[in-house]
């Protein structure tokens, strides 16, 4: 029988709670944090690659963006 779970958890959180139902050592916790960081960094890199390709950006485009004030005044 599945334990009752708060409906405020998303599917990822629920899965992690099931997987991590035992106490982790500090070493294991650090390794898990690194793994999750790498996972989300990879996702962000892939998303930015898609935006880069969709916009036809080049290294020159990035240089121009770096040297342009792009913030809007509120």
N, C-alpha and C. Protein backbone atom coordinates (compact mmCIF):
# COMPACT_ATOMS: atom_id res chain seq x y z
N UNK A 1 0.84 -1.18 0.00
CA UNK A 1 0.00 0.00 0.00
C UNK A 1 0.88 1.25 0.00
N UNK A 2 0.58 2.19 -0.88
CA UNK A 2 1.34 3.43 -0.99
C UNK A 2 0.96 4.37 0.16
N UNK A 3 1.95 5.02 0.79
CA UNK A 3 1.62 5.99 1.83
C UNK A 3 0.96 7.22 1.23
N UNK A 4 0.12 7.89 2.00
CA UNK A 4 -0.52 9.12 1.55
C UNK A 4 0.55 10.19 1.41
N UNK A 5 0.49 10.91 0.31
CA UNK A 5 1.50 11.93 0.03
C UNK A 5 0.79 13.25 -0.24
N UNK A 6 1.41 14.33 0.21
CA UNK A 6 0.86 15.66 -0.01
C UNK A 6 0.75 15.94 -1.51
N UNK A 7 -0.40 16.44 -1.97
CA UNK A 7 -0.56 16.72 -3.39
C UNK A 7 0.30 17.90 -3.86
N UNK A 8 1.00 18.58 -2.94
CA UNK A 8 1.83 19.71 -3.35
C UNK A 8 3.18 19.26 -3.92
N UNK A 9 3.53 18.00 -3.81
CA UNK A 9 4.77 17.50 -4.39
C UNK A 9 4.56 17.23 -5.88
N UNK A 10 5.58 17.58 -6.70
CA UNK A 10 5.48 17.25 -8.12
C UNK A 10 6.02 15.84 -8.35
N UNK A 11 5.89 15.34 -9.56
CA UNK A 11 6.28 13.95 -9.83
C UNK A 11 7.77 13.70 -9.59
N UNK A 12 8.61 14.67 -9.88
CA UNK A 12 10.04 14.52 -9.63
C UNK A 12 10.36 14.42 -8.15
N UNK A 13 9.71 15.26 -7.37
CA UNK A 13 9.92 15.23 -5.92
C UNK A 13 9.44 13.91 -5.33
N UNK A 14 8.30 13.43 -5.80
CA UNK A 14 7.79 12.15 -5.30
C UNK A 14 8.75 11.01 -5.61
N UNK A 15 9.29 11.01 -6.81
CA UNK A 15 10.23 9.95 -7.20
C UNK A 15 11.48 10.01 -6.34
N UNK A 16 12.01 11.21 -6.12
CA UNK A 16 13.20 11.35 -5.27
C UNK A 16 12.92 10.91 -3.84
N UNK A 17 11.75 11.23 -3.32
CA UNK A 17 11.41 10.79 -1.97
C UNK A 17 11.39 9.27 -1.86
N UNK A 18 10.87 8.60 -2.88
CA UNK A 18 10.85 7.13 -2.87
C UNK A 18 12.27 6.58 -2.92
N UNK A 19 13.07 7.13 -3.81
CA UNK A 19 14.45 6.63 -3.99
C UNK A 19 15.29 6.89 -2.75
N UNK A 20 15.09 8.05 -2.14
CA UNK A 20 15.94 8.47 -1.03
C UNK A 20 15.28 8.24 0.33
N UNK A 21 14.60 7.13 0.46
CA UNK A 21 13.91 6.86 1.72
C UNK A 21 14.85 6.43 2.85
N UNK A 22 16.13 6.25 2.53
CA UNK A 22 17.10 5.92 3.57
C UNK A 22 18.04 7.10 3.80
N UNK A 23 18.67 7.11 4.95
CA UNK A 23 19.62 8.18 5.30
C UNK A 23 20.85 8.09 4.40
N UNK A 24 21.32 9.24 3.92
CA UNK A 24 22.53 9.28 3.08
C UNK A 24 23.70 9.77 3.91
N UNK A 25 24.87 9.25 3.59
CA UNK A 25 26.08 9.77 4.22
C UNK A 25 26.38 11.14 3.61
N UNK A 26 27.25 11.90 4.23
CA UNK A 26 27.62 13.21 3.69
C UNK A 26 28.25 13.05 2.30
N UNK A 27 29.03 12.00 2.12
CA UNK A 27 29.67 11.74 0.82
C UNK A 27 28.62 11.45 -0.26
N UNK A 28 27.62 10.64 0.10
CA UNK A 28 26.56 10.31 -0.85
C UNK A 28 25.72 11.55 -1.18
N UNK A 29 25.45 12.36 -0.17
CA UNK A 29 24.67 13.57 -0.37
C UNK A 29 25.40 14.54 -1.31
N UNK A 30 26.69 14.69 -1.11
CA UNK A 30 27.50 15.56 -1.98
C UNK A 30 27.50 15.03 -3.41
N UNK A 31 27.65 13.72 -3.58
CA UNK A 31 27.64 13.11 -4.92
C UNK A 31 26.28 13.33 -5.59
N UNK A 32 25.20 13.21 -4.82
CA UNK A 32 23.86 13.42 -5.36
C UNK A 32 23.68 14.87 -5.80
N UNK A 33 24.13 15.80 -4.97
CA UNK A 33 24.03 17.22 -5.33
C UNK A 33 24.79 17.51 -6.62
N UNK A 34 25.97 16.94 -6.74
CA UNK A 34 26.76 17.14 -7.96
C UNK A 34 26.05 16.56 -9.17
N UNK A 35 25.50 15.37 -9.01
CA UNK A 35 24.79 14.71 -10.10
C UNK A 35 23.58 15.53 -10.56
N UNK A 36 22.80 16.02 -9.59
CA UNK A 36 21.65 16.85 -9.93
C UNK A 36 22.09 18.17 -10.58
N UNK A 37 23.16 18.74 -10.09
CA UNK A 37 23.69 19.97 -10.70
C UNK A 37 24.10 19.74 -12.14
N UNK A 38 24.78 18.63 -12.39
CA UNK A 38 25.19 18.29 -13.76
C UNK A 38 23.98 18.06 -14.65
N UNK A 39 22.96 17.40 -14.13
CA UNK A 39 21.74 17.14 -14.89
C UNK A 39 21.09 18.45 -15.33
N UNK A 40 20.91 19.38 -14.39
CA UNK A 40 20.24 20.64 -14.73
C UNK A 40 21.13 21.55 -15.57
N UNK A 41 22.44 21.48 -15.38
CA UNK A 41 23.35 22.25 -16.22
C UNK A 41 23.27 21.75 -17.67
N UNK A 42 23.20 20.45 -17.85
CA UNK A 42 23.09 19.87 -19.20
C UNK A 42 21.78 20.30 -19.85
N UNK A 43 20.69 20.28 -19.08
CA UNK A 43 19.39 20.71 -19.62
C UNK A 43 19.44 22.17 -20.05
N UNK A 44 20.07 23.03 -19.23
CA UNK A 44 20.18 24.45 -19.56
C UNK A 44 21.04 24.65 -20.81
N UNK A 45 22.12 23.90 -20.92
CA UNK A 45 23.00 24.00 -22.09
C UNK A 45 22.26 23.59 -23.35
N UNK A 46 21.48 22.52 -23.27
CA UNK A 46 20.71 22.08 -24.43
C UNK A 46 19.66 23.11 -24.83
N UNK A 47 18.99 23.71 -23.85
CA UNK A 47 17.98 24.73 -24.13
C UNK A 47 18.61 25.95 -24.79
N UNK A 48 19.77 26.36 -24.29
CA UNK A 48 20.44 27.52 -24.88
C UNK A 48 20.95 27.21 -26.28
N UNK A 49 21.39 25.98 -26.51
CA UNK A 49 21.80 25.58 -27.85
C UNK A 49 20.65 25.67 -28.83
N UNK A 50 19.47 25.30 -28.38
CA UNK A 50 18.28 25.38 -29.22
C UNK A 50 17.96 26.83 -29.55
N UNK A 51 17.98 27.70 -28.54
CA UNK A 51 17.72 29.13 -28.75
C UNK A 51 18.77 29.71 -29.70
N UNK A 52 20.02 29.35 -29.50
CA UNK A 52 21.14 29.82 -30.34
C UNK A 52 20.86 29.46 -31.80
N UNK A 53 20.52 28.18 -32.04
CA UNK A 53 20.26 27.71 -33.41
C UNK A 53 19.03 28.36 -34.02
N UNK A 54 17.95 28.47 -33.24
CA UNK A 54 16.71 29.05 -33.75
C UNK A 54 16.89 30.52 -34.16
N UNK A 55 17.78 31.22 -33.47
CA UNK A 55 18.00 32.63 -33.75
C UNK A 55 19.15 32.87 -34.74
N UNK A 56 19.84 31.81 -35.11
CA UNK A 56 20.96 31.94 -36.04
C UNK A 56 22.11 32.77 -35.48
N UNK A 57 22.30 32.68 -34.17
CA UNK A 57 23.35 33.46 -33.53
C UNK A 57 24.73 32.92 -33.88
N UNK A 58 25.72 33.81 -33.82
CA UNK A 58 27.12 33.45 -34.05
C UNK A 58 27.94 33.96 -32.87
N UNK A 59 29.22 33.66 -32.88
CA UNK A 59 30.11 34.20 -31.84
C UNK A 59 30.11 35.73 -31.90
N UNK A 60 30.00 36.28 -33.09
CA UNK A 60 29.95 37.74 -33.24
C UNK A 60 28.69 38.30 -32.57
N UNK A 61 27.58 37.60 -32.72
CA UNK A 61 26.33 38.01 -32.07
C UNK A 61 26.52 38.07 -30.56
N UNK A 62 27.17 37.07 -30.00
CA UNK A 62 27.40 37.04 -28.56
C UNK A 62 28.29 38.20 -28.12
N UNK A 63 29.32 38.48 -28.90
CA UNK A 63 30.21 39.60 -28.57
C UNK A 63 29.43 40.90 -28.57
N UNK A 64 28.55 41.09 -29.55
CA UNK A 64 27.72 42.29 -29.60
C UNK A 64 26.80 42.37 -28.38
N UNK A 65 26.21 41.24 -27.99
CA UNK A 65 25.34 41.23 -26.81
C UNK A 65 26.12 41.58 -25.55
N UNK A 66 27.34 41.08 -25.45
CA UNK A 66 28.15 41.35 -24.26
C UNK A 66 28.50 42.82 -24.15
N UNK A 67 28.58 43.49 -25.27
CA UNK A 67 29.00 44.89 -25.29
C UNK A 67 27.83 45.86 -25.45
N UNK A 68 26.60 45.38 -25.30
CA UNK A 68 25.41 46.20 -25.45
C UNK A 68 24.63 46.21 -24.16
N UNK A 69 24.19 47.40 -23.74
CA UNK A 69 23.34 47.48 -22.57
C UNK A 69 21.95 47.05 -23.01
N UNK A 70 21.49 45.91 -22.50
CA UNK A 70 20.24 45.32 -22.96
C UNK A 70 19.12 45.41 -21.91
N UNK A 71 19.42 45.99 -20.76
CA UNK A 71 18.39 46.11 -19.73
C UNK A 71 17.42 47.23 -20.09
N UNK A 72 16.18 47.04 -19.74
CA UNK A 72 15.16 48.05 -19.97
C UNK A 72 14.92 48.80 -18.67
N UNK A 73 14.71 50.10 -18.78
CA UNK A 73 14.38 50.90 -17.62
C UNK A 73 12.91 50.69 -17.29
N UNK A 74 12.61 50.53 -16.02
CA UNK A 74 11.22 50.35 -15.59
C UNK A 74 10.58 51.66 -15.29
